Amino acid sequence: CSRVYWSTTDARKRCVYTCKIVECRPPVVEPDINSTVEHDENRTIAHSPTSFT
């Protein structure tokens, strides 16, 4: 694309600005479920105090 503007230093001159739009996208990679899940012992942590009766 290009745009024409008047010069800010000389009103009799025109300046042509050109731009280039480039779209870059990283490749879509399906996550491996085995690499995202930690295979270890499962433990439950109770954060609330236990009641003694």
N, C-alpha and C. Protein backbone atom coordinates (compact mmCIF):
# COMPACT_ATOMS: atom_id res chain seq x y z
N CYS A 1 0.85 -1.17 0.00
CA CYS A 1 0.00 0.00 0.00
C CYS A 1 0.89 1.24 0.00
N SER A 2 0.36 2.31 -0.44
CA SER A 2 1.11 3.57 -0.43
C SER A 2 0.16 4.72 -0.16
N ARG A 3 0.69 5.74 0.45
CA ARG A 3 -0.08 6.94 0.78
C ARG A 3 0.74 8.17 0.37
N VAL A 4 0.04 9.20 -0.07
CA VAL A 4 0.70 10.44 -0.45
C VAL A 4 0.31 11.51 0.55
N TYR A 5 1.32 12.16 1.12
CA TYR A 5 1.10 13.23 2.09
C TYR A 5 1.89 14.45 1.64
N TRP A 6 1.45 15.61 2.10
CA TRP A 6 2.22 16.82 1.86
C TRP A 6 3.37 16.88 2.85
N SER A 7 4.46 17.41 2.40
CA SER A 7 5.65 17.53 3.24
C SER A 7 5.38 18.50 4.39
N THR A 8 5.90 18.19 5.54
CA THR A 8 5.74 19.08 6.69
C THR A 8 6.72 20.25 6.64
N THR A 9 7.78 20.11 5.86
CA THR A 9 8.77 21.19 5.77
C THR A 9 8.54 22.09 4.56
N ASP A 10 7.96 21.53 3.48
CA ASP A 10 7.70 22.32 2.27
C ASP A 10 6.33 21.93 1.73
N ALA A 11 5.37 22.83 1.82
CA ALA A 11 3.99 22.53 1.43
C ALA A 11 3.83 22.29 -0.06
N ARG A 12 4.84 22.64 -0.85
CA ARG A 12 4.76 22.42 -2.30
C ARG A 12 5.15 21.00 -2.69
N LYS A 13 5.75 20.27 -1.77
CA LYS A 13 6.22 18.92 -2.06
C LYS A 13 5.27 17.88 -1.47
N ARG A 14 5.26 16.76 -2.12
CA ARG A 14 4.48 15.62 -1.62
C ARG A 14 5.44 14.49 -1.28
N CYS A 15 5.08 13.75 -0.26
CA CYS A 15 5.87 12.60 0.15
C CYS A 15 5.03 11.34 -0.03
N VAL A 16 5.63 10.32 -0.59
CA VAL A 16 4.94 9.05 -0.78
C VAL A 16 5.47 8.07 0.26
N TYR A 17 4.57 7.55 1.07
CA TYR A 17 4.92 6.55 2.07
C TYR A 17 4.38 5.21 1.60
N THR A 18 5.23 4.23 1.59
CA THR A 18 4.79 2.88 1.22
C THR A 18 4.94 1.97 2.43
N CYS A 19 4.02 1.05 2.53
CA CYS A 19 4.08 0.10 3.64
C CYS A 19 3.85 -1.31 3.09
N LYS A 20 4.36 -2.26 3.82
CA LYS A 20 4.20 -3.66 3.45
C LYS A 20 3.66 -4.39 4.66
N ILE A 21 2.55 -5.07 4.48
CA ILE A 21 1.93 -5.80 5.58
C ILE A 21 2.25 -7.28 5.40
N VAL A 22 2.88 -7.84 6.42
CA VAL A 22 3.26 -9.25 6.38
C VAL A 22 2.65 -9.94 7.58
N GLU A 23 1.99 -11.04 7.33
CA GLU A 23 1.38 -11.79 8.42
C GLU A 23 2.20 -13.06 8.62
N CYS A 24 2.69 -13.24 9.83
CA CYS A 24 3.47 -14.42 10.17
C CYS A 24 2.76 -15.17 11.28
N ARG A 25 2.54 -16.45 11.06
CA ARG A 25 1.89 -17.27 12.07
C ARG A 25 2.77 -18.48 12.35
N PRO A 26 2.96 -18.81 13.63
CA PRO A 26 3.72 -20.02 13.93
C PRO A 26 2.91 -21.25 13.54
N PRO A 27 3.57 -22.34 13.21
CA PRO A 27 2.83 -23.55 12.84
C PRO A 27 2.04 -24.09 14.03
N VAL A 28 0.86 -24.60 13.75
CA VAL A 28 0.00 -25.16 14.80
C VAL A 28 0.50 -26.56 15.12
N VAL A 29 0.84 -26.75 16.38
CA VAL A 29 1.35 -28.04 16.82
C VAL A 29 0.40 -28.58 17.88
N GLU A 30 -0.06 -29.79 17.67
CA GLU A 30 -0.93 -30.42 18.66
C GLU A 30 -0.08 -30.82 19.87
N PRO A 31 -0.50 -30.43 21.09
CA PRO A 31 0.29 -30.80 22.26
C PRO A 31 0.19 -32.30 22.53
N ASP A 32 1.30 -32.87 22.91
CA ASP A 32 1.34 -34.28 23.27
C ASP A 32 0.85 -34.40 24.70
N ILE A 33 -0.24 -35.12 24.91
CA ILE A 33 -0.85 -35.21 26.23
C ILE A 33 0.10 -35.86 27.23
N ASN A 34 0.96 -36.74 26.78
CA ASN A 34 1.89 -37.41 27.69
C ASN A 34 3.01 -36.49 28.15
N SER A 35 3.31 -35.45 27.38
CA SER A 35 4.37 -34.54 27.80
C SER A 35 3.85 -33.41 28.68
N THR A 36 2.53 -33.16 28.67
CA THR A 36 1.98 -32.08 29.48
C THR A 36 1.48 -32.55 30.83
N VAL A 37 1.27 -33.85 30.98
CA VAL A 37 0.76 -34.40 32.24
C VAL A 37 1.92 -35.04 32.97
N GLU A 38 2.06 -34.68 34.24
CA GLU A 38 3.12 -35.27 35.04
C GLU A 38 2.64 -36.62 35.57
N HIS A 39 3.33 -37.67 35.19
CA HIS A 39 2.96 -39.01 35.61
C HIS A 39 3.72 -39.34 36.89
N ASP A 40 3.06 -39.14 38.01
CA ASP A 40 3.68 -39.37 39.31
C ASP A 40 2.59 -39.82 40.27
N GLU A 41 2.93 -39.94 41.53
CA GLU A 41 1.93 -40.33 42.52
C GLU A 41 0.92 -39.21 42.71
N ASN A 42 -0.34 -39.58 42.85
CA ASN A 42 -1.38 -38.60 43.12
C ASN A 42 -1.52 -38.45 44.62
N ARG A 43 -1.56 -37.23 45.10
CA ARG A 43 -1.70 -36.95 46.52
C ARG A 43 -2.77 -35.89 46.71
N THR A 44 -3.54 -36.03 47.76
CA THR A 44 -4.57 -35.05 48.09
C THR A 44 -4.13 -34.27 49.31
N ILE A 45 -4.17 -32.96 49.21
CA ILE A 45 -3.77 -32.09 50.32
C ILE A 45 -5.02 -31.38 50.81
N ALA A 46 -5.35 -31.57 52.09
CA ALA A 46 -6.50 -30.91 52.68
C ALA A 46 -6.05 -29.59 53.27
N HIS A 47 -6.58 -28.49 52.79
CA HIS A 47 -6.17 -27.16 53.26
C HIS A 47 -7.05 -26.66 54.39
N SER A 48 -8.15 -27.33 54.65
CA SER A 48 -9.02 -26.91 55.75
C SER A 48 -8.64 -27.69 57.00
N PRO A 49 -8.73 -27.06 58.18
CA PRO A 49 -8.35 -27.76 59.42
C PRO A 49 -9.32 -28.90 59.72
N THR A 50 -8.78 -29.96 60.28
CA THR A 50 -9.63 -31.09 60.65
C THR A 50 -10.29 -30.80 61.98
N SER A 51 -11.51 -31.28 62.14
CA SER A 51 -12.23 -31.03 63.39
C SER A 51 -12.05 -32.23 64.30
N PHE A 52 -11.65 -31.97 65.55
CA PHE A 52 -11.47 -33.02 66.54
C PHE A 52 -12.70 -33.04 67.43
N THR A 53 -13.37 -34.20 67.55
CA THR A 53 -14.54 -34.30 68.42
C THR A 53 -14.32 -35.30 69.50
